[in-house]
C-alpha cells in the first residue's frame, strides 16, 4: 500500500485547524492500510502533539527548504504528499511534483501559489477549476475525524423546552484571540438559564473565565482542552464557536451553533454559513454587543429555533467527505510514477 506524507502546521497563533483535518484524512488512510507520516511544525502545542502520538502517527520536524523536503520524501519512500499550510513556499510543492509524486493541496479559497495534482477546498460553496488537476470542492469533501463521524445522529435532533439548555463553547486548541471569556460574558448577560461547558485553552484563559459571574439559573463549567469534545458536543443543545474547520463538525452532528468570526480568512465561510441558515451569526470577535446577546438569548429560550438550525445543519454535511478525498488520493498515490 501507499505511504503518504502530510506537511501541515499548528501553533499558538496558527491554531490547530490544519492539523485536525489532516488527522481526519490520516485516520481514513490508515484504516485502508496506507502508511502516513507527518512532516509538521506543531508549535510546541501539547494537545496537537497528542493527536498524533495517541493515534500512533509518526511525526518529524518539517524540512527547512524545498531540497530538504524532497530529500525527506525520498528517504521516507513516500508515494504522495499532502500539503495544508498558509505559509509553505510554493516552491516546495513544485519540487515534490518534479519527482513524479502526486501532491494534494488542502486550500481555503486562496491557493497561496501552491500547485497540486488534487485540490481540496472543503468550504461551503467553494469551487476549484484548475486545468489538469482534480478539484474536490464543497461540503461533500469536509474532512472530519472519526470521533465526530461516529457520533452523527441518524436523524436531526428535535429540541424541546423540557430541560435547561446545555451549551458548549470552544475556540480551537489555542484560542489565540481569547474568545472564550468574551463569549462567557455575553452568555451571562442573556439572563437565560443554561449549563455551559467552556473550553479554556490555557491556564490564563481559565483564570479569566472563572472570574465571569453567572446569573441565577446559569452555571459555568470551565475545563482544559479535551479529546472528549465531540462527545460533549453530541450531548449539547447549543454550541458557540469560531467560524472555521470546526463548523463542519458541528453541522455533521446536527448541532445548533452560534458563530463568531475572528480573523479575515474566516469571513467568507462565516457569511456563507449564516446566509444558508446553517448557523446563527454573532458577528466579529471584539465587536460583539447587544445584538449578539439577543441572538444567544433567542437560541437559549426558543427550542423551535434550535430545532430548525439542527435540521438545516444535519442536512449539510453527511460525514463521508474524508472517504471521498482518500479515494482520489490513493488512486494517484498507487499509480506507477
Protein backbone atom coordinates (compact mmCIF):
# COMPACT_ATOMS: atom_id res chain seq x y z
CA UNK A 1 0.00 0.00 0.00
CA UNK A 2 0.94 3.61 -0.44
CA UNK A 3 2.86 5.74 2.05
CA UNK A 4 1.55 9.30 2.28
CA UNK A 5 3.35 12.26 3.81
CA UNK A 6 1.43 15.14 5.34
CA UNK A 7 3.00 18.59 5.57
CA UNK A 8 0.88 20.80 7.82
CA UNK A 9 1.36 23.25 10.67
CA UNK A 10 -0.11 24.05 14.06
CA UNK A 11 0.82 26.55 16.73
CA UNK A 12 -0.29 29.10 19.29
CA UNK A 13 -1.04 31.70 16.59
CA UNK A 14 -1.63 29.35 13.66
CA UNK A 15 -4.24 27.33 15.54
CA UNK A 16 -4.87 23.62 15.04
CA UNK A 17 -7.46 23.57 12.24
CA UNK A 18 -4.96 22.43 9.59
CA UNK A 19 -3.77 19.60 11.82
CA UNK A 20 -7.27 18.45 12.77
CA UNK A 21 -8.44 17.98 9.21
CA UNK A 22 -5.16 16.30 8.24
CA UNK A 23 -5.53 13.90 11.16
CA UNK A 24 -9.00 13.07 9.86
CA UNK A 25 -7.55 12.19 6.46
CA UNK A 26 -4.73 10.23 8.09
CA UNK A 27 -7.23 8.15 10.06
CA UNK A 28 -9.04 7.17 6.87
CA UNK A 29 -5.82 6.35 5.03
CA UNK A 30 -4.52 4.18 7.87
CA UNK A 31 -7.87 2.37 8.06
CA UNK A 32 -7.28 1.33 4.44
CA UNK A 33 -3.80 0.01 5.12
CA UNK A 34 -1.83 3.02 3.90
CA UNK A 35 1.13 4.41 5.80
CA UNK A 36 1.10 8.03 6.95
CA UNK A 37 4.00 10.22 8.09
CA UNK A 38 3.60 13.82 9.30
CA UNK A 39 6.24 16.44 8.47
CA UNK A 40 4.93 19.20 10.67
CA UNK A 41 5.73 22.08 12.96
CA UNK A 42 3.33 21.70 15.89
CA UNK A 43 4.50 24.84 17.63
CA UNK A 44 5.04 23.15 20.97
CA UNK A 45 1.27 22.76 21.44
CA UNK A 46 0.92 19.67 23.63
CA UNK A 47 -2.66 18.96 22.54
CA UNK A 48 -1.57 18.99 18.90
CA UNK A 49 1.30 16.59 19.53
CA UNK A 50 -1.05 14.29 21.43
CA UNK A 51 -3.33 13.99 18.40
CA UNK A 52 -0.51 12.25 16.56
CA UNK A 53 1.04 10.21 19.37
CA UNK A 54 -2.32 8.86 20.56
CA UNK A 55 -3.03 7.56 17.07
CA UNK A 56 0.44 6.13 16.55
CA UNK A 57 1.11 8.54 13.67
CA UNK A 58 4.86 9.17 13.20
CA UNK A 59 5.91 12.80 13.19
CA UNK A 60 9.09 14.54 12.00
CA UNK A 61 10.03 18.23 12.07
CA UNK A 62 9.38 19.94 8.72
CA UNK A 63 12.34 20.34 6.34
CA UNK A 64 13.58 23.91 6.09
CA UNK A 65 13.60 24.21 2.31
CA UNK A 66 12.37 22.57 -0.88
CA UNK A 67 15.52 20.47 -1.29
CA UNK A 68 15.16 19.22 2.26
CA UNK A 69 11.53 18.29 1.66
CA UNK A 70 12.44 16.32 -1.45
CA UNK A 71 15.19 14.57 0.48
CA UNK A 72 12.71 13.64 3.22
CA UNK A 73 10.21 12.39 0.65
CA UNK A 74 12.91 10.17 -0.87
CA UNK A 75 14.24 8.95 2.49
CA UNK A 76 10.78 8.06 3.79
CA UNK A 77 9.84 6.48 0.46
CA UNK A 78 6.64 8.49 0.21
CA UNK A 79 4.26 7.86 -2.66
CA UNK A 80 2.34 11.13 -2.30
CA UNK A 81 2.36 14.34 -0.27
CA UNK A 82 -0.50 16.26 1.33
CA UNK A 83 0.08 19.99 1.94
CA UNK A 84 -2.09 22.05 4.28
CA UNK A 85 -0.31 25.29 5.16
CA UNK A 86 -0.80 29.03 4.77
CA UNK A 87 2.95 29.70 4.99
CA UNK A 88 4.70 26.97 2.97
CA UNK A 89 6.52 28.46 -0.06
CA UNK A 90 5.03 27.24 -3.37
CA UNK A 91 8.48 26.03 -4.47
CA UNK A 92 8.13 23.09 -2.07
CA UNK A 93 5.13 21.56 -3.82
CA UNK A 94 6.73 22.20 -7.21
CA UNK A 95 9.87 20.35 -6.15
CA UNK A 96 7.96 17.33 -4.91
CA UNK A 97 5.85 17.11 -8.07
CA UNK A 98 9.02 17.18 -10.16
CA UNK A 99 9.95 13.83 -8.57
CA UNK A 100 6.82 12.35 -10.15
CA UNK A 101 4.94 12.09 -6.87
CA UNK A 102 1.42 13.50 -6.71
CA UNK A 103 0.65 16.39 -4.36
CA UNK A 104 -2.74 17.04 -2.75
CA UNK A 105 -3.22 20.59 -1.52
CA UNK A 106 -5.89 21.41 1.07
CA UNK A 107 -6.86 25.03 0.48
CA UNK A 108 -9.36 27.59 1.70
CA UNK A 109 -10.31 29.63 -1.34
CA UNK A 110 -6.86 31.16 -1.85
CA UNK A 111 -4.36 28.63 -3.25
CA UNK A 112 -1.49 30.81 -1.97
CA UNK A 113 0.52 29.88 -5.05
CA UNK A 114 0.50 26.14 -4.41
CA UNK A 115 0.39 23.82 -7.40
CA UNK A 116 -1.03 20.34 -6.99
CA UNK A 117 -2.48 17.32 -8.74
CA UNK A 118 -5.51 17.35 -6.42
CA UNK A 119 -7.02 20.39 -4.72
CA UNK A 120 -9.40 20.02 -1.79
CA UNK A 121 -11.43 23.03 -0.68
CA UNK A 122 -13.92 21.76 1.89
CA UNK A 123 -15.58 25.13 2.39
CA UNK A 124 -19.23 25.83 1.71
CA UNK A 125 -19.97 26.77 -1.93
CA UNK A 126 -16.29 26.60 -2.88
CA UNK A 127 -15.21 25.98 -6.48
CA UNK A 128 -11.96 24.50 -7.78
CA UNK A 129 -11.36 24.65 -11.53
CA UNK A 130 -7.70 24.05 -12.45
CA UNK A 131 -6.81 22.59 -15.83
CA UNK A 132 -5.18 19.18 -15.47
CA UNK A 133 -5.93 18.87 -11.75
CA UNK A 134 -8.67 17.14 -9.79
CA UNK A 135 -10.84 19.62 -7.88
CA UNK A 136 -12.76 18.41 -4.83
CA UNK A 137 -14.81 21.34 -3.61
CA UNK A 138 -17.62 21.90 -1.13
CA UNK A 139 -19.01 20.30 1.98
CA UNK A 140 -19.12 16.87 0.32
CA UNK A 141 -15.36 16.83 0.96
CA UNK A 142 -15.32 18.07 4.56
CA UNK A 143 -12.53 16.24 6.40
CA UNK A 144 -13.95 15.08 9.72
CA UNK A 145 -12.36 12.93 12.42
CA UNK A 146 -13.79 9.51 13.20
CA UNK A 147 -14.59 10.67 16.74
CA UNK A 148 -17.06 13.14 15.19
CA UNK A 149 -18.40 10.98 12.40
CA UNK A 150 -19.21 8.12 14.78
CA UNK A 151 -21.47 10.44 16.80
CA UNK A 152 -23.53 11.72 13.89
CA UNK A 153 -27.21 11.04 14.71
CA UNK A 154 -29.30 9.01 12.29
CA UNK A 155 -31.81 11.85 12.11
CA UNK A 156 -31.62 15.53 13.11
CA UNK A 157 -32.48 16.18 16.74
CA UNK A 158 -35.72 17.77 17.91
CA UNK A 159 -35.27 20.25 20.75
CA UNK A 160 -37.83 20.85 23.47
CA UNK A 161 -38.03 23.21 26.40
CA UNK A 162 -38.13 20.36 28.89
CA UNK A 163 -34.61 20.91 30.26
CA UNK A 164 -32.11 23.67 30.89
CA UNK A 165 -30.13 24.07 27.67
CA UNK A 166 -26.62 22.61 27.66
CA UNK A 167 -24.08 24.86 25.94
CA UNK A 168 -20.55 24.03 24.80
CA UNK A 169 -18.25 26.93 23.87
CA UNK A 170 -14.83 26.30 22.34
CA UNK A 171 -12.40 28.22 20.16
CA UNK A 172 -9.76 25.84 18.88
CA UNK A 173 -6.83 24.25 20.62
CA UNK A 174 -5.15 27.58 21.40
CA UNK A 175 -7.87 30.31 21.39
CA UNK A 176 -5.16 32.74 20.35
CA UNK A 177 -7.55 35.72 20.33
CA UNK A 178 -9.06 34.97 23.76
CA UNK A 179 -12.62 34.47 22.58
CA UNK A 180 -13.81 32.25 25.43
CA UNK A 181 -14.02 34.94 28.15
CA UNK A 182 -15.79 37.38 25.82
CA UNK A 183 -18.41 34.76 24.97
CA UNK A 184 -18.85 33.77 28.62
CA UNK A 185 -19.67 37.38 29.47
CA UNK A 186 -22.25 37.55 26.67
CA UNK A 187 -23.87 34.29 27.82
CA UNK A 188 -24.18 35.65 31.36
CA UNK A 189 -25.69 38.86 30.02
CA UNK A 190 -28.57 36.93 28.39
CA UNK A 191 -30.06 36.27 31.82
CA UNK A 192 -31.39 32.98 30.43
CA UNK A 193 -30.82 29.70 32.26
CA UNK A 194 -28.15 27.38 30.88
CA UNK A 195 -25.47 24.89 31.83
CA UNK A 196 -22.34 25.83 29.88
CA UNK A 197 -19.09 23.92 29.42
CA UNK A 198 -16.41 26.33 28.21
CA UNK A 199 -13.01 25.26 26.99
CA UNK A 200 -10.17 27.39 28.34
CA UNK A 201 -7.16 26.69 26.12
CA UNK A 202 -4.61 27.63 28.79
CA UNK A 203 -4.46 28.47 32.48
CA UNK A 204 -4.59 32.23 31.87
CA UNK A 205 -7.84 31.87 29.94
CA UNK A 206 -9.28 29.53 32.54
CA UNK A 207 -8.49 32.03 35.29
CA UNK A 208 -10.26 34.76 33.32
CA UNK A 209 -13.25 32.50 32.71
CA UNK A 210 -13.58 31.68 36.40
CA UNK A 211 -13.92 35.42 37.06
CA UNK A 212 -17.10 35.66 34.95
CA UNK A 213 -20.11 35.67 37.29
CA UNK A 214 -23.21 33.78 36.10
CA UNK A 215 -26.69 35.00 37.00
CA UNK A 216 -29.48 32.97 38.59
CA UNK A 217 -30.12 29.68 36.80
CA UNK A 218 -26.79 29.77 34.96
CA UNK A 219 -23.78 27.52 35.52
CA UNK A 220 -20.29 27.56 34.03
CA UNK A 221 -18.01 24.52 33.94
CA UNK A 222 -14.53 25.64 32.86
CA UNK A 223 -12.31 22.87 31.52
CA UNK A 224 -9.00 22.42 29.70
CA UNK A 225 -8.84 21.21 26.08
CA UNK A 226 -10.11 17.65 25.92
CA UNK A 227 -10.33 14.81 23.43
CA UNK A 228 -13.87 14.29 24.75
CA UNK A 229 -15.06 17.44 22.96
CA UNK A 230 -17.02 15.55 20.24
CA UNK A 231 -18.90 13.63 22.95
CA UNK A 232 -19.66 16.87 24.81
CA UNK A 233 -20.95 18.41 21.60
CA UNK A 234 -23.15 15.42 20.81
CA UNK A 235 -24.92 15.90 24.15
CA UNK A 236 -25.29 19.68 23.87
CA UNK A 237 -28.24 21.83 22.83
CA UNK A 238 -26.13 24.71 21.54
CA UNK A 239 -22.51 25.28 20.52
CA UNK A 240 -20.74 28.62 20.43
CA UNK A 241 -17.57 28.65 18.35
CA UNK A 242 -15.46 30.50 15.81
CA UNK A 243 -16.23 30.04 12.14
CA UNK A 244 -13.64 27.65 10.71
CA UNK A 245 -12.93 23.98 10.17
CA UNK A 246 -14.80 23.03 13.35
CA UNK A 247 -18.01 24.45 11.85
CA UNK A 248 -18.30 21.44 9.55
CA UNK A 249 -18.05 19.13 12.56
CA UNK A 250 -20.96 20.96 14.18
CA UNK A 251 -23.02 20.62 11.02
CA UNK A 252 -22.29 16.91 10.77
CA UNK A 253 -23.52 16.46 14.34
CA UNK A 254 -26.66 18.46 13.59
CA UNK A 255 -25.85 20.81 16.46
CA UNK A 256 -27.34 24.31 16.58
CA UNK A 257 -24.44 26.74 16.58
CA UNK A 258 -23.82 30.43 17.22
CA UNK A 259 -20.70 31.54 15.36
CA UNK A 260 -18.25 34.41 15.52
CA UNK A 261 -15.52 35.31 13.07
CA UNK A 262 -12.10 36.08 14.46
CA UNK A 263 -9.66 36.60 11.55
CA UNK A 264 -10.19 37.78 7.99
CA UNK A 265 -9.89 34.35 6.36
CA UNK A 266 -12.99 33.27 8.30
CA UNK A 267 -15.28 35.98 6.92
CA UNK A 268 -16.30 34.24 3.69
CA UNK A 269 -17.13 30.94 5.39
CA UNK A 270 -18.96 32.76 8.15
CA UNK A 271 -21.08 34.79 5.73
CA UNK A 272 -21.97 31.77 3.61
CA UNK A 273 -22.86 29.61 6.61
CA UNK A 274 -25.12 32.25 8.10
CA UNK A 275 -26.73 33.07 4.74
CA UNK A 276 -27.65 29.42 4.26
CA UNK A 277 -29.20 29.26 7.72
CA UNK A 278 -26.76 26.57 8.88
CA UNK A 279 -25.80 28.61 11.94
CA UNK A 280 -26.63 31.82 13.80
CA UNK A 281 -24.22 34.74 13.43
CA UNK A 282 -22.95 36.72 16.41
CA UNK A 283 -20.52 38.93 14.47
CA UNK A 284 -16.86 39.78 14.77
CA UNK A 285 -14.98 38.92 17.94
CA UNK A 286 -14.08 42.08 19.82
CA UNK A 287 -17.08 43.91 18.37
CA UNK A 288 -19.91 41.87 19.87
CA UNK A 289 -22.67 43.74 21.61
CA UNK A 290 -26.40 43.80 22.30
CA UNK A 291 -27.30 42.05 19.04
CA UNK A 292 -25.10 39.10 19.94
CA UNK A 293 -26.66 38.90 23.40
CA UNK A 294 -30.14 38.96 21.84
CA UNK A 295 -29.20 36.14 19.43
CA UNK A 296 -27.87 33.98 22.24
CA UNK A 297 -30.95 34.67 24.36
CA UNK A 298 -33.20 33.66 21.46
CA UNK A 299 -31.36 30.38 20.95
CA UNK A 300 -31.31 29.58 24.65
CA UNK A 301 -35.02 30.20 25.12
CA UNK A 302 -36.56 29.09 21.81
CA UNK A 303 -36.38 25.31 21.34
CA UNK A 304 -38.10 25.53 17.95
CA UNK A 305 -35.36 27.84 16.66
CA UNK A 306 -32.74 25.33 17.77
CA UNK A 307 -34.65 22.50 16.07
CA UNK A 308 -34.72 24.44 12.81
CA UNK A 309 -30.97 25.07 12.96
CA UNK A 310 -30.32 21.42 13.83
CA UNK A 311 -32.22 20.17 10.81
CA UNK A 312 -30.50 22.56 8.41
CA UNK A 313 -27.08 21.74 9.83
CA UNK A 314 -27.55 17.97 9.76
CA UNK A 315 -28.59 18.03 6.10
CA UNK A 316 -25.49 19.99 5.04
CA UNK A 317 -22.67 17.56 5.91
CA UNK A 318 -23.00 13.79 5.65
CA UNK A 319 -19.63 12.96 7.23
CA UNK A 320 -18.27 10.98 4.27
CA UNK A 321 -16.01 13.65 2.82
CA UNK A 322 -12.84 12.05 4.15
CA UNK A 323 -13.71 8.84 2.29
CA UNK A 324 -14.11 10.71 -0.99
CA UNK A 325 -10.81 12.53 -0.59
CA UNK A 326 -8.97 9.32 0.33
CA UNK A 327 -10.41 7.63 -2.76
CA UNK A 328 -8.99 10.32 -5.04
CA UNK A 329 -5.62 10.48 -3.29
CA UNK A 330 -4.98 6.72 -3.25
CA UNK A 331 -5.78 6.38 -6.94
CA UNK A 332 -2.93 8.81 -7.67
CA UNK A 333 -0.58 7.54 -4.95
CA UNK A 334 -0.84 3.92 -6.08
CA UNK A 335 -0.35 4.68 -9.78
CA UNK A 336 3.11 3.99 -11.26
CA UNK A 337 5.35 7.05 -11.44
